[in-house]
Amino acid sequence: MADDQRIQATRTIEAPTTAVFDVLSNPARHAELDGSGFVISDEKTDRITAVGQTFRMNMQGPHMGGEYQTDNVVTGYDQNHLLAWRTAPAGQEPPGWEWVWQLTANGADATDVTVVYDWSEVTDPDLLKKITFPLVPQEALESSLGKLAEAVSG
């Protein structure tokens, strides 16, 4: 599904929700899952356990002139069902885009995973001139789901 302010992708992964959530809730694994090529590594490896936590990632991309860091504020947490966070340049307030991972059990050993990239709350006109959304294309979301399937089975 796509509209003018969000895109998403869904895939069934042959693993229980607990295994999928275990990988997603560990920022140290996010570079391995990233289909965009922007994530290099995590700066702080604490597992995500609650709304309000912040985790920092080391990133790279021409849209930011090379290497940079992001702070990711957890906005949604329901163990084995939902993880969501808003991303911002390190030390700044999130400008309005959010990543949402939804997990639904599909039997005992499979999980339907949906990843949503939503920029509907980005309102800063200067930012909207600098970045063309979606910065991360649909194919990258699909790639991330494939990488997640590999990570969970590996």
Protein backbone atom coordinates (compact mmCIF):
# COMPACT_ATOMS: atom_id res chain seq x y z
CA MET A 1 0.00 0.00 0.00
CA ALA A 2 1.12 3.51 -0.69
CA ASP A 3 -0.42 6.92 -0.51
CA ASP A 4 1.09 10.36 -0.72
CA GLN A 5 2.48 10.34 2.84
CA ARG A 6 3.25 6.73 3.69
CA ILE A 7 4.33 3.46 2.18
CA GLN A 8 4.26 -0.02 3.59
CA ALA A 9 5.19 -3.59 2.80
CA THR A 10 4.02 -6.91 4.25
CA ARG A 11 5.55 -10.37 4.24
CA THR A 12 4.93 -13.65 5.99
CA ILE A 13 8.07 -14.76 7.81
CA GLU A 14 8.47 -18.40 8.77
CA ALA A 15 9.18 -17.83 12.45
CA PRO A 16 7.11 -17.22 15.58
CA THR A 17 6.38 -13.62 16.59
CA THR A 18 8.71 -13.97 19.60
CA ALA A 19 11.70 -14.68 17.32
CA VAL A 20 10.85 -11.83 14.94
CA PHE A 21 10.31 -9.36 17.77
CA ASP A 22 13.59 -10.43 19.40
CA VAL A 23 15.50 -9.37 16.28
CA LEU A 24 13.54 -6.14 15.70
CA SER A 25 13.81 -4.97 19.31
CA ASN A 26 17.62 -5.19 19.24
CA PRO A 27 19.10 -2.04 17.62
CA ALA A 28 22.42 -3.88 17.24
CA ARG A 29 20.68 -5.93 14.50
CA HIS A 30 19.17 -2.99 12.58
CA ALA A 31 22.10 -2.52 10.17
CA GLU A 32 21.70 -6.15 9.14
CA LEU A 33 17.99 -5.53 8.43
CA ASP A 34 18.30 -2.21 6.61
CA GLY A 35 17.18 -2.34 2.99
CA SER A 36 17.96 1.35 2.39
CA GLY A 37 21.72 1.16 2.84
CA PHE A 38 21.68 4.11 5.26
CA VAL A 39 22.20 2.27 8.59
CA ILE A 40 25.84 1.55 9.45
CA SER A 41 25.58 0.42 13.09
CA ASP A 42 24.00 1.22 16.40
CA GLU A 43 25.66 3.57 18.86
CA LYS A 44 23.90 2.16 21.91
CA THR A 45 22.86 -1.48 22.05
CA ASP A 46 20.18 -1.47 24.75
CA ARG A 47 17.22 -3.59 23.73
CA ILE A 48 13.98 -1.69 23.07
CA THR A 49 11.63 -2.40 25.97
CA ALA A 50 9.25 0.56 26.29
CA VAL A 51 7.73 3.66 24.74
CA GLY A 52 9.89 6.73 25.40
CA GLN A 53 13.27 5.03 25.03
CA THR A 54 15.77 6.54 22.61
CA PHE A 55 18.34 4.59 20.63
CA ARG A 56 21.07 6.16 18.49
CA MET A 57 22.14 4.85 15.10
CA ASN A 58 25.22 5.57 12.97
CA MET A 59 24.08 6.34 9.45
CA GLN A 60 25.35 7.37 6.02
CA GLY A 61 23.71 8.94 3.02
CA PRO A 62 24.13 11.68 0.44
CA HIS A 63 20.95 13.39 1.72
CA MET A 64 22.92 14.29 4.88
CA GLY A 65 26.30 14.82 3.20
CA GLY A 66 27.83 11.51 4.29
CA GLU A 67 27.98 10.00 7.78
CA TYR A 68 25.65 11.19 10.53
CA GLN A 69 23.77 9.91 13.59
CA THR A 70 20.07 9.65 14.36
CA ASP A 71 18.16 9.50 17.62
CA ASN A 72 15.13 7.25 17.43
CA VAL A 73 12.38 7.83 19.99
CA VAL A 74 10.21 4.77 20.62
CA THR A 75 6.56 5.74 20.06
CA GLY A 76 4.95 2.31 20.04
CA TYR A 77 5.74 -0.86 21.97
CA ASP A 78 3.63 -3.97 22.42
CA GLN A 79 5.88 -6.97 23.00
CA ASN A 80 5.73 -9.45 20.11
CA HIS A 81 3.17 -7.27 18.26
CA LEU A 82 4.35 -3.68 17.62
CA LEU A 83 7.46 -1.51 17.52
CA ALA A 84 7.44 2.09 16.30
CA TRP A 85 9.87 4.99 16.47
CA ARG A 86 10.34 8.52 15.20
CA THR A 87 13.72 9.38 13.77
CA ALA A 88 15.64 12.67 14.03
CA PRO A 89 19.18 13.90 13.51
CA ALA A 90 21.04 13.25 16.78
CA GLY A 91 20.20 15.78 19.46
CA GLN A 92 17.12 17.14 17.68
CA GLU A 93 13.40 16.65 18.08
CA PRO A 94 11.85 14.23 15.57
CA PRO A 95 10.52 16.24 12.60
CA GLY A 96 7.61 13.91 11.91
CA TRP A 97 8.51 10.68 10.15
CA GLU A 98 7.92 7.35 11.82
CA TRP A 99 8.76 3.70 11.32
CA VAL A 100 6.15 1.17 12.44
CA TRP A 101 6.62 -2.60 12.59
CA GLN A 102 3.45 -4.65 13.13
CA LEU A 103 3.59 -8.40 13.86
CA THR A 104 0.62 -10.76 13.63
CA ALA A 105 0.91 -14.46 14.39
CA ASN A 106 0.06 -16.63 11.41
CA GLY A 107 -0.11 -19.98 13.17
CA ALA A 108 2.48 -21.10 15.71
CA ASP A 109 5.53 -20.80 13.47
CA ALA A 110 4.86 -17.90 11.10
CA THR A 111 4.42 -14.15 11.46
CA ASP A 112 2.84 -11.62 9.13
CA VAL A 113 5.12 -8.58 9.35
CA THR A 114 4.16 -5.14 8.07
CA VAL A 115 6.62 -2.26 8.00
CA VAL A 116 5.23 1.24 7.55
CA TYR A 117 7.22 4.37 6.70
CA ASP A 118 5.00 7.37 7.46
CA TRP A 119 6.02 11.00 6.91
CA SER A 120 2.52 12.50 7.23
CA GLU A 121 3.49 14.67 10.19
CA VAL A 122 6.48 16.35 8.52
CA THR A 123 5.45 20.01 8.28
CA ASP A 124 8.73 21.97 8.29
CA PRO A 125 8.84 23.72 4.89
CA ASP A 126 12.64 23.93 4.91
CA LEU A 127 12.93 20.20 5.55
CA LEU A 128 10.39 19.46 2.84
CA LYS A 129 12.53 21.49 0.41
CA LYS A 130 15.68 19.59 1.44
CA ILE A 131 14.30 16.04 1.49
CA THR A 132 12.03 14.49 -1.09
CA PHE A 133 9.76 11.91 0.51
CA PRO A 134 9.79 9.03 0.52
CA LEU A 135 13.51 9.15 1.20
CA VAL A 136 13.43 5.36 1.54
CA PRO A 137 11.65 3.73 -1.44
CA GLN A 138 9.10 0.91 -1.39
CA GLU A 139 11.73 -1.56 -2.64
CA ALA A 140 13.87 -0.85 0.43
CA LEU A 141 10.98 -1.78 2.74
CA GLU A 142 10.51 -5.03 0.85
CA SER A 143 14.27 -5.65 1.05
CA SER A 144 14.20 -5.03 4.81
CA LEU A 145 11.49 -7.67 5.21
CA GLY A 146 13.60 -10.13 3.23
CA LYS A 147 16.63 -9.36 5.39
CA LEU A 148 14.49 -9.78 8.52
CA ALA A 149 13.37 -13.22 7.27
CA GLU A 150 17.03 -14.18 6.74
CA ALA A 151 18.07 -12.84 10.17
CA VAL A 152 15.35 -14.75 11.97
CA SER A 153 16.08 -18.02 10.17
CA GLY A 154 19.86 -17.71 10.51
